[in-house]
Amino acid sequence: MKRITQALEVVRPIGWLLLVIGLGTGVVAEVAQWRELAVLSVACLALLVLALPFLLGRTSVAVDLRLQPERVAAGESVAAGVAVTNRASSRLVPTTLEVPVGSAIHRYGISSLAPGATHEESFTIRTERRGVIPVGPAMTRRGDPVGVFSRDVVWTPVREVLVRPHLVPMESLGAGLLRDLEGVSTDAVSQSDLAFHALREYVPGDDLRHIHWRSSAKVMASTGESALLVRQYLDTRRSHATIVVDDRLASWSDPEDFETAMAVAASIAVRAVLDEFDVSFVCGSHASSGSDGHLALDAVCRADFGPRGVVESGRQASMLAPDTSLAFFVGGSATEFTDLLRAAAAFPPEVRRFGIVVEPDGTSRVTETGGLPVLHLAAKEDLGGLLRWSVR
């Protein structure tokens, strides 16, 4: 059954059309004794027979699809190339190579190649806006010039070009924003963290559970003096920034406002990574968490409209990143303020939370209601200034 299905896939739509016309006109010509229809029937069936020899033989090639780089900002270009090498022991019959790029298809004619010979083609992928551009799979099409039959063989998987939004410069989140939080990794010593650092002499008030009795006994045996040594630890706690974006289409008066929100989310994520924060991002069904900035930015590239909304996304983020210390909730001009409050309420009170509302028709300002500071952005370039002002 599988072989029959594969054989039928070789016939292109024009082949099926010729077959139907050939058989149909043949039957009518036989019944009505119509000679002209008989000629048409013979011509159609003869064309099918003449196209069959073009399928003979096998295509054995190696196809290398190259993309450099695979992650770019909107407006930048990607240098792409494809190399086809004949792996057979005989010459390669001329064939066609197709490489889908987004909604377009790049077609290249591959001439007859000697065994081991390589044919290379290069092209440029231009990006205009945030998103994901699928590239491939690269496939060869072998068939007749008319397009009656075509044997298609896929040689590469689908590759992706991730197009990121333009970023907004921001000051360090650790400088001022998190002074009252645990902060990023530090060289400060701690009595409660788990990374052992050194021993020091006991002072009144130290936790007796941290006394290192064996070392204390050795010191007292060697010096003859009473001395207790206490363990010191290195504070290795990290800050965690979480960004939640409203994915409902109804929350955005213009789809371009959603793109502005993606630029805001990406800018915060990059700044947090530079400050050595862990970063989590949630927008509907697209989520990521970790210390690798590529994870958050890749999720930003893939984010799209959906039915969840900021409240459900906020609850998902609280479960995805329970150690969050700083949270941002980004919505559009039609996002209900109560939804921002409900999303923020999914996090414990010690988490510092900010609402961000994209309002291109308004003025950039900061308000606070219900204990939630809200940054109203008329332009994404105002993000750094508003955030710096809101934490004074």
Protein backbone atom coordinates (compact mmCIF):
# COMPACT_ATOMS: atom_id res chain seq x y z
CA MET A 1 0.00 0.00 0.00
CA LYS A 2 2.84 2.40 0.85
CA ARG A 3 4.54 1.75 -2.48
CA ILE A 4 1.29 2.35 -4.33
CA THR A 5 0.85 5.67 -2.50
CA GLN A 6 4.41 6.71 -3.34
CA ALA A 7 3.88 5.79 -6.99
CA LEU A 8 0.69 7.86 -7.18
CA GLU A 9 2.45 10.87 -5.63
CA VAL A 10 4.76 10.96 -8.67
CA VAL A 11 1.85 12.01 -10.91
CA ARG A 12 1.41 15.78 -10.97
CA PRO A 13 -2.00 17.49 -11.40
CA ILE A 14 -1.38 17.97 -15.12
CA GLY A 15 -0.68 14.23 -15.40
CA TRP A 16 -4.01 13.36 -13.80
CA LEU A 17 -5.71 15.84 -16.12
CA LEU A 18 -4.13 14.25 -19.19
CA LEU A 19 -5.13 10.80 -17.96
CA VAL A 20 -8.76 11.81 -17.39
CA ILE A 21 -8.99 13.58 -20.77
CA GLY A 22 -7.30 10.69 -22.58
CA LEU A 23 -9.56 8.02 -21.10
CA GLY A 24 -12.72 10.14 -21.28
CA THR A 25 -12.29 11.19 -24.87
CA GLY A 26 -11.31 7.64 -25.79
CA VAL A 27 -14.56 6.25 -24.41
CA VAL A 28 -16.66 8.96 -26.10
CA ALA A 29 -14.80 8.49 -29.42
CA GLU A 30 -15.45 4.74 -29.30
CA VAL A 31 -19.15 5.17 -28.60
CA ALA A 32 -19.80 8.09 -30.96
CA GLN A 33 -17.26 7.10 -33.60
CA TRP A 34 -15.78 10.58 -33.35
CA ARG A 35 -12.34 10.49 -34.98
CA GLU A 36 -11.17 13.87 -33.68
CA LEU A 37 -11.76 12.80 -30.10
CA ALA A 38 -9.88 9.59 -30.77
CA VAL A 39 -6.86 11.62 -31.96
CA LEU A 40 -7.04 13.76 -28.81
CA SER A 41 -7.22 10.64 -26.63
CA VAL A 42 -4.19 9.08 -28.32
CA ALA A 43 -2.23 12.35 -27.99
CA CYS A 44 -2.91 12.62 -24.26
CA LEU A 45 -2.02 9.00 -23.53
CA ALA A 46 1.07 9.22 -25.74
CA LEU A 47 2.29 12.25 -23.82
CA LEU A 48 1.97 10.27 -20.59
CA VAL A 49 4.00 7.42 -22.07
CA LEU A 50 6.69 9.74 -23.44
CA ALA A 51 7.09 11.44 -20.02
CA LEU A 52 7.77 8.18 -18.15
CA PRO A 53 11.46 7.72 -19.19
CA PHE A 54 12.36 10.96 -17.40
CA LEU A 55 11.70 9.17 -14.07
CA LEU A 56 14.19 6.39 -14.72
CA GLY A 57 17.29 6.27 -12.53
CA ARG A 58 17.92 7.38 -8.95
CA THR A 59 19.07 10.68 -7.51
CA SER A 60 21.82 10.27 -4.92
CA VAL A 61 23.10 13.62 -3.68
CA ALA A 62 24.18 15.33 -0.47
CA VAL A 63 22.61 18.73 0.13
CA ASP A 64 24.13 21.19 2.60
CA LEU A 65 21.92 24.16 3.53
CA ARG A 66 23.79 27.00 5.26
CA LEU A 67 22.35 30.03 7.08
CA GLN A 68 24.57 32.74 8.55
CA PRO A 69 23.48 33.97 11.02
CA GLU A 70 20.32 32.20 12.13
CA ARG A 71 19.31 34.96 14.57
CA VAL A 72 19.07 38.55 13.36
CA ALA A 73 17.33 41.80 14.21
CA ALA A 74 14.47 42.97 12.02
CA GLY A 75 15.78 44.66 8.89
CA GLU A 76 19.03 42.70 8.75
CA SER A 77 19.89 40.14 6.08
CA VAL A 78 20.88 36.48 6.29
CA ALA A 79 23.48 35.03 3.93
CA ALA A 80 22.22 31.64 2.79
CA GLY A 81 23.71 29.02 0.56
CA VAL A 82 23.07 25.50 -0.65
CA ALA A 83 25.60 22.99 -1.98
CA VAL A 84 24.60 19.85 -3.92
CA THR A 85 27.19 17.04 -4.19
CA ASN A 86 26.74 14.01 -6.45
CA ARG A 87 27.28 10.90 -4.30
CA ALA A 88 26.53 8.39 -7.08
CA SER A 89 29.16 6.55 -9.09
CA SER A 90 27.67 7.85 -12.34
CA ARG A 91 26.86 11.32 -13.63
CA LEU A 92 23.88 13.10 -12.15
CA VAL A 93 21.00 13.67 -14.54
CA PRO A 94 20.06 17.38 -14.70
CA THR A 95 17.52 18.11 -12.00
CA THR A 96 15.81 20.98 -10.21
CA LEU A 97 16.52 22.00 -6.62
CA GLU A 98 13.83 23.81 -4.63
CA VAL A 99 14.38 25.63 -1.32
CA PRO A 100 11.25 27.16 0.26
CA VAL A 101 11.98 30.41 2.14
CA GLY A 102 8.92 31.59 4.02
CA SER A 103 6.11 31.83 1.48
CA ALA A 104 8.53 32.01 -1.47
CA ILE A 105 10.35 29.19 -3.26
CA HIS A 106 13.88 29.44 -4.64
CA ARG A 107 14.41 27.17 -7.67
CA TYR A 108 17.79 26.28 -9.12
CA GLY A 109 18.63 24.16 -12.14
CA ILE A 110 21.34 21.62 -11.32
CA SER A 111 23.27 20.59 -14.42
CA SER A 112 24.76 17.15 -14.97
CA LEU A 113 27.39 16.55 -12.26
CA ALA A 114 30.28 14.13 -12.37
CA PRO A 115 30.66 11.73 -9.41
CA GLY A 116 31.82 13.71 -6.38
CA ALA A 117 31.29 17.09 -8.07
CA THR A 118 29.51 19.92 -6.24
CA HIS A 119 27.14 22.63 -7.43
CA GLU A 120 26.69 25.68 -5.15
CA GLU A 121 24.08 28.42 -5.07
CA SER A 122 23.87 31.42 -2.76
CA PHE A 123 21.02 33.77 -1.94
CA THR A 124 20.08 36.43 0.60
CA ILE A 125 17.15 36.31 3.01
CA ARG A 126 15.88 39.78 3.85
CA THR A 127 13.96 40.34 7.07
CA GLU A 128 11.42 43.10 7.67
CA ARG A 129 9.73 42.34 10.98
CA ARG A 130 9.90 40.12 14.05
CA GLY A 131 9.01 36.49 13.54
CA VAL A 132 10.25 33.12 12.37
CA ILE A 133 11.16 32.45 8.73
CA PRO A 134 11.18 28.72 7.86
CA VAL A 135 13.85 27.74 5.33
CA GLY A 136 13.57 24.37 3.61
CA PRO A 137 13.27 21.54 3.32
CA ALA A 138 15.59 21.48 0.31
CA MET A 139 14.31 18.98 -2.22
CA THR A 140 15.15 17.81 -5.72
CA ARG A 141 12.48 17.51 -8.40
CA ARG A 142 13.15 15.07 -11.21
CA GLY A 143 10.63 14.84 -14.03
CA ASP A 144 9.71 15.70 -17.58
CA PRO A 145 9.76 19.21 -19.07
CA VAL A 146 5.98 19.36 -19.30
CA GLY A 147 5.44 18.57 -15.62
CA VAL A 148 3.41 15.41 -16.06
CA PHE A 149 5.51 13.42 -13.57
CA SER A 150 7.84 14.55 -10.82
CA ARG A 151 9.83 12.53 -8.31
CA ASP A 152 10.47 14.74 -5.27
CA VAL A 153 13.11 13.81 -2.69
CA VAL A 154 13.63 15.80 0.52
CA TRP A 155 17.28 16.15 1.56
CA THR A 156 17.31 18.56 4.51
CA PRO A 157 15.06 19.34 7.47
CA VAL A 158 13.33 22.68 7.89
CA ARG A 159 15.68 25.32 9.27
CA GLU A 160 14.55 28.55 10.93
CA VAL A 161 15.70 32.15 10.85
CA LEU A 162 14.65 33.89 14.07
CA VAL A 163 14.03 37.60 13.56
CA ARG A 164 14.20 39.65 16.74
CA PRO A 165 12.64 43.08 17.32
CA HIS A 166 14.77 46.19 17.66
CA LEU A 167 15.97 46.67 21.23
CA VAL A 168 15.65 49.74 23.43
CA PRO A 169 18.76 50.74 25.44
CA MET A 170 18.22 50.46 29.19
CA GLU A 171 20.25 51.00 32.32
CA SER A 172 21.17 48.08 34.54
CA LEU A 173 18.23 46.53 36.38
CA GLY A 174 20.57 45.71 39.27
CA ALA A 175 21.54 49.34 39.77
CA GLY A 176 18.70 50.71 41.86
CA LEU A 177 15.87 48.43 40.83
CA LEU A 178 16.77 45.55 43.10
CA ARG A 179 18.51 47.19 46.05
CA ASP A 180 15.90 45.80 48.41
CA LEU A 181 15.89 42.34 46.80
CA GLU A 182 18.39 39.52 46.96
CA GLY A 183 20.42 40.87 44.02
CA VAL A 184 22.61 39.08 41.54
CA SER A 185 25.48 36.74 42.39
CA THR A 186 27.79 38.56 44.79
CA ASP A 187 31.04 38.12 46.68
CA ALA A 188 29.32 39.01 49.95
CA VAL A 189 29.56 36.34 52.65
CA SER A 190 26.44 34.78 54.10
CA GLN A 191 25.49 32.68 57.09
CA SER A 192 22.61 30.92 55.41
CA ASP A 193 23.52 30.11 51.81
CA LEU A 194 24.80 26.70 50.70
CA ALA A 195 28.13 27.58 49.06
CA PHE A 196 30.86 27.03 51.67
CA HIS A 197 33.48 29.80 51.58
CA ALA A 198 35.82 29.83 54.63
CA LEU A 199 36.21 29.52 58.42
CA ARG A 200 36.46 32.41 60.89
CA GLU A 201 36.53 32.85 64.63
CA TYR A 202 33.28 32.68 66.55
CA VAL A 203 31.74 35.95 67.74
CA PRO A 204 28.76 36.29 70.10
CA GLY A 205 25.51 36.02 68.19
CA ASP A 206 26.72 33.46 65.62
CA ASP A 207 24.49 30.45 65.01
CA LEU A 208 25.94 27.54 66.96
CA ARG A 209 24.87 25.19 64.18
CA HIS A 210 27.59 26.67 61.97
CA ILE A 211 30.45 25.90 64.34
CA HIS A 212 33.01 23.56 62.74
CA TRP A 213 33.82 21.39 65.79
CA ARG A 214 36.60 19.33 64.24
CA SER A 215 38.60 22.37 63.13
CA SER A 216 37.93 24.06 66.45
CA ALA A 217 39.31 21.02 68.32
CA LYS A 218 42.47 21.00 66.18
CA VAL A 219 43.13 24.68 66.86
CA MET A 220 42.60 24.25 70.61
CA ALA A 221 44.90 21.19 70.65
CA SER A 222 47.69 22.99 68.83
CA THR A 223 47.49 26.35 70.63
CA GLY A 224 46.11 25.33 73.99
CA GLU A 225 43.61 28.19 73.80
CA SER A 226 39.86 28.01 73.61
CA ALA A 227 38.79 28.91 70.10
CA LEU A 228 35.73 28.16 68.07
CA LEU A 229 35.65 28.35 64.26
CA VAL A 230 32.47 29.14 62.37
CA ARG A 231 31.68 28.32 58.76
CA GLN A 232 31.24 31.20 56.32
CA TYR A 233 29.28 30.88 53.11
CA LEU A 234 29.30 32.72 49.80
CA ASP A 235 26.00 34.32 48.81
CA THR A 236 25.16 32.82 45.42
CA ARG A 237 21.53 33.80 45.10
CA ARG A 238 20.39 35.19 41.72
CA SER A 239 17.69 37.62 40.74
CA HIS A 240 14.98 36.40 38.39
CA ALA A 241 13.10 38.69 36.01
CA THR A 242 9.82 37.49 34.51
CA ILE A 243 8.04 39.14 31.59
CA VAL A 244 4.39 38.43 30.78
CA VAL A 245 2.70 39.78 27.62
CA ASP A 246 -1.03 39.84 26.87
CA ASP A 247 -1.60 37.70 23.77
CA ARG A 248 -5.28 38.50 23.13
CA LEU A 249 -5.88 40.32 19.85
CA ALA A 250 -8.72 42.34 21.43
CA SER A 251 -6.25 43.90 23.89
CA TRP A 252 -4.39 45.68 21.11
CA SER A 253 -5.93 48.52 19.13
CA ASP A 254 -3.35 47.95 16.40
CA PRO A 255 -1.22 44.85 15.68
CA GLU A 256 1.81 47.17 15.54
CA ASP A 257 1.27 47.88 19.24
CA PHE A 258 1.82 44.18 19.88
CA GLU A 259 5.12 44.44 17.99
CA THR A 260 6.07 47.35 20.26
CA ALA A 261 5.30 45.15 23.27
CA MET A 262 7.57 42.44 21.85
CA ALA A 263 10.37 45.00 21.50
CA VAL A 264 9.81 46.06 25.12
CA ALA A 265 9.87 42.45 26.34
CA ALA A 266 13.03 41.67 24.36
CA SER A 267 14.77 44.80 25.67
CA ILE A 268 14.01 43.91 29.28
CA ALA A 269 15.13 40.32 28.72
CA VAL A 270 18.46 41.37 27.20
CA ARG A 271 19.12 43.89 29.97
CA ALA A 272 18.32 41.25 32.60
CA VAL A 273 20.69 38.74 31.01
CA LEU A 274 23.46 41.34 30.91
CA ASP A 275 22.85 41.89 34.63
CA GLU A 276 23.24 38.11 35.15
CA PHE A 277 19.57 37.57 36.01
CA ASP A 278 17.62 34.47 35.17
CA VAL A 279 14.85 35.40 32.73
CA SER A 280 11.40 33.97 32.09
CA PHE A 281 9.04 35.01 29.30
CA VAL A 282 5.41 34.04 28.84
CA CYS A 283 3.03 35.11 26.08
CA GLY A 284 0.13 32.73 25.62
CA SER A 285 1.40 29.32 24.54
CA HIS A 286 4.99 30.52 24.13
CA ALA A 287 7.14 30.43 27.27
CA SER A 288 10.77 30.06 28.28
CA SER A 289 12.84 30.21 31.43
CA GLY A 290 16.54 30.05 32.25
CA SER A 291 19.79 31.96 32.31
CA ASP A 292 20.35 31.66 28.54
CA GLY A 293 19.20 34.87 26.87
CA HIS A 294 18.60 33.07 23.58
CA LEU A 295 15.72 31.14 25.16
CA ALA A 296 13.76 34.27 26.04
CA LEU A 297 14.53 36.03 22.75
CA ASP A 298 13.61 32.94 20.72
CA ALA A 299 10.28 32.80 22.56
CA VAL A 300 9.76 36.50 21.78
CA CYS A 301 10.34 35.75 18.08
CA ARG A 302 7.73 32.97 18.12
CA ALA A 303 5.08 34.79 20.20
CA ASP A 304 1.79 35.49 18.47
CA PHE A 305 -1.82 36.26 19.25
CA GLY A 306 -3.82 33.68 21.15
CA PRO A 307 -6.80 33.21 23.46
CA ARG A 308 -5.13 33.02 26.89
CA GLY A 309 -4.74 36.63 27.99
CA VAL A 310 -2.48 38.23 30.56
CA VAL A 311 -4.20 36.71 33.61
CA GLU A 312 -3.75 33.10 32.57
CA SER A 313 -0.25 33.84 31.27
CA GLY A 314 0.61 35.45 34.61
CA ARG A 315 -0.51 32.35 36.50
CA GLN A 316 1.54 30.17 34.18
CA ALA A 317 4.57 32.42 34.76
CA SER A 318 4.22 32.14 38.55
CA MET A 319 4.42 28.36 38.26
CA LEU A 320 7.18 28.46 35.65
CA ALA A 321 9.35 30.83 37.71
CA PRO A 322 8.40 30.60 41.40
CA ASP A 323 11.67 32.30 42.38
CA THR A 324 10.79 35.49 40.48
CA SER A 325 12.01 38.68 42.14
CA LEU A 326 11.00 41.19 39.47
CA ALA A 327 7.94 40.87 37.20
CA PHE A 328 6.68 42.91 34.25
CA PHE A 329 3.15 42.64 32.84
CA VAL A 330 2.79 44.11 29.34
CA GLY A 331 -0.58 44.90 27.80
CA GLY A 332 -2.22 47.04 25.16
CA SER A 333 -4.46 50.08 25.42
CA ALA A 334 -7.52 47.77 25.57
CA THR A 335 -6.10 45.53 28.30
CA GLU A 336 -8.24 45.84 31.41
CA PHE A 337 -6.33 47.24 34.38
CA THR A 338 -8.04 44.69 36.61
CA ASP A 339 -6.47 41.97 34.45
CA LEU A 340 -3.01 43.42 35.10
CA LEU A 341 -3.76 43.42 38.83
CA ARG A 342 -4.99 39.82 38.74
CA ALA A 343 -1.91 38.73 36.81
CA ALA A 344 0.36 40.50 39.31
CA ALA A 345 -1.53 38.90 42.20
CA ALA A 346 -0.34 35.48 41.03
CA PHE A 347 3.08 36.36 42.47
CA PRO A 348 3.84 36.70 46.21
CA PRO A 349 3.97 40.19 47.78
CA GLU A 350 7.77 40.27 48.02
CA VAL A 351 8.05 40.22 44.20
CA ARG A 352 8.48 43.70 42.75
CA ARG A 353 5.91 44.14 39.98
CA PHE A 354 5.41 46.62 37.16
CA GLY A 355 2.64 47.02 34.62
CA ILE A 356 3.50 48.30 31.15
CA VAL A 357 0.74 49.56 28.84
CA VAL A 358 1.49 50.40 25.20
CA GLU A 359 -0.54 53.52 24.33
CA PRO A 360 0.81 55.15 21.15
CA ASP A 361 -2.00 57.73 21.14
CA GLY A 362 -1.35 58.82 24.71
CA THR A 363 1.55 60.38 26.58
CA SER A 364 4.33 58.51 28.32
CA ARG A 365 3.81 58.63 32.08
CA VAL A 366 3.85 56.55 35.26
CA THR A 367 0.80 55.95 37.43
CA GLU A 368 0.20 53.73 40.44
CA THR A 369 -3.09 52.12 41.42
CA GLY A 370 -3.67 49.26 43.81
CA GLY A 371 0.03 49.15 44.64
CA LEU A 372 1.00 48.40 41.02
CA PRO A 373 3.17 50.98 39.23
CA VAL A 374 2.09 51.22 35.58
CA LEU A 375 4.30 52.58 32.82
CA HIS A 376 2.22 54.07 30.00
CA LEU A 377 4.35 53.98 26.84
CA ALA A 378 3.60 56.28 23.94
CA ALA A 379 6.85 55.12 22.32
CA LYS A 380 9.10 52.19 23.16
CA GLU A 381 12.10 54.56 23.38
CA ASP A 382 10.58 55.98 26.59
CA LEU A 383 10.89 52.66 28.41
CA GLY A 384 14.30 53.28 29.99
CA GLY A 385 13.42 56.75 31.27
CA LEU A 386 10.05 55.73 32.71
CA LEU A 387 11.50 52.69 34.43
CA ARG A 388 14.32 54.73 35.91
CA TRP A 389 11.89 57.41 37.13
CA SER A 390 9.39 54.92 38.59
CA VAL A 391 11.90 53.43 41.06
CA ARG A 392 13.07 56.70 42.61
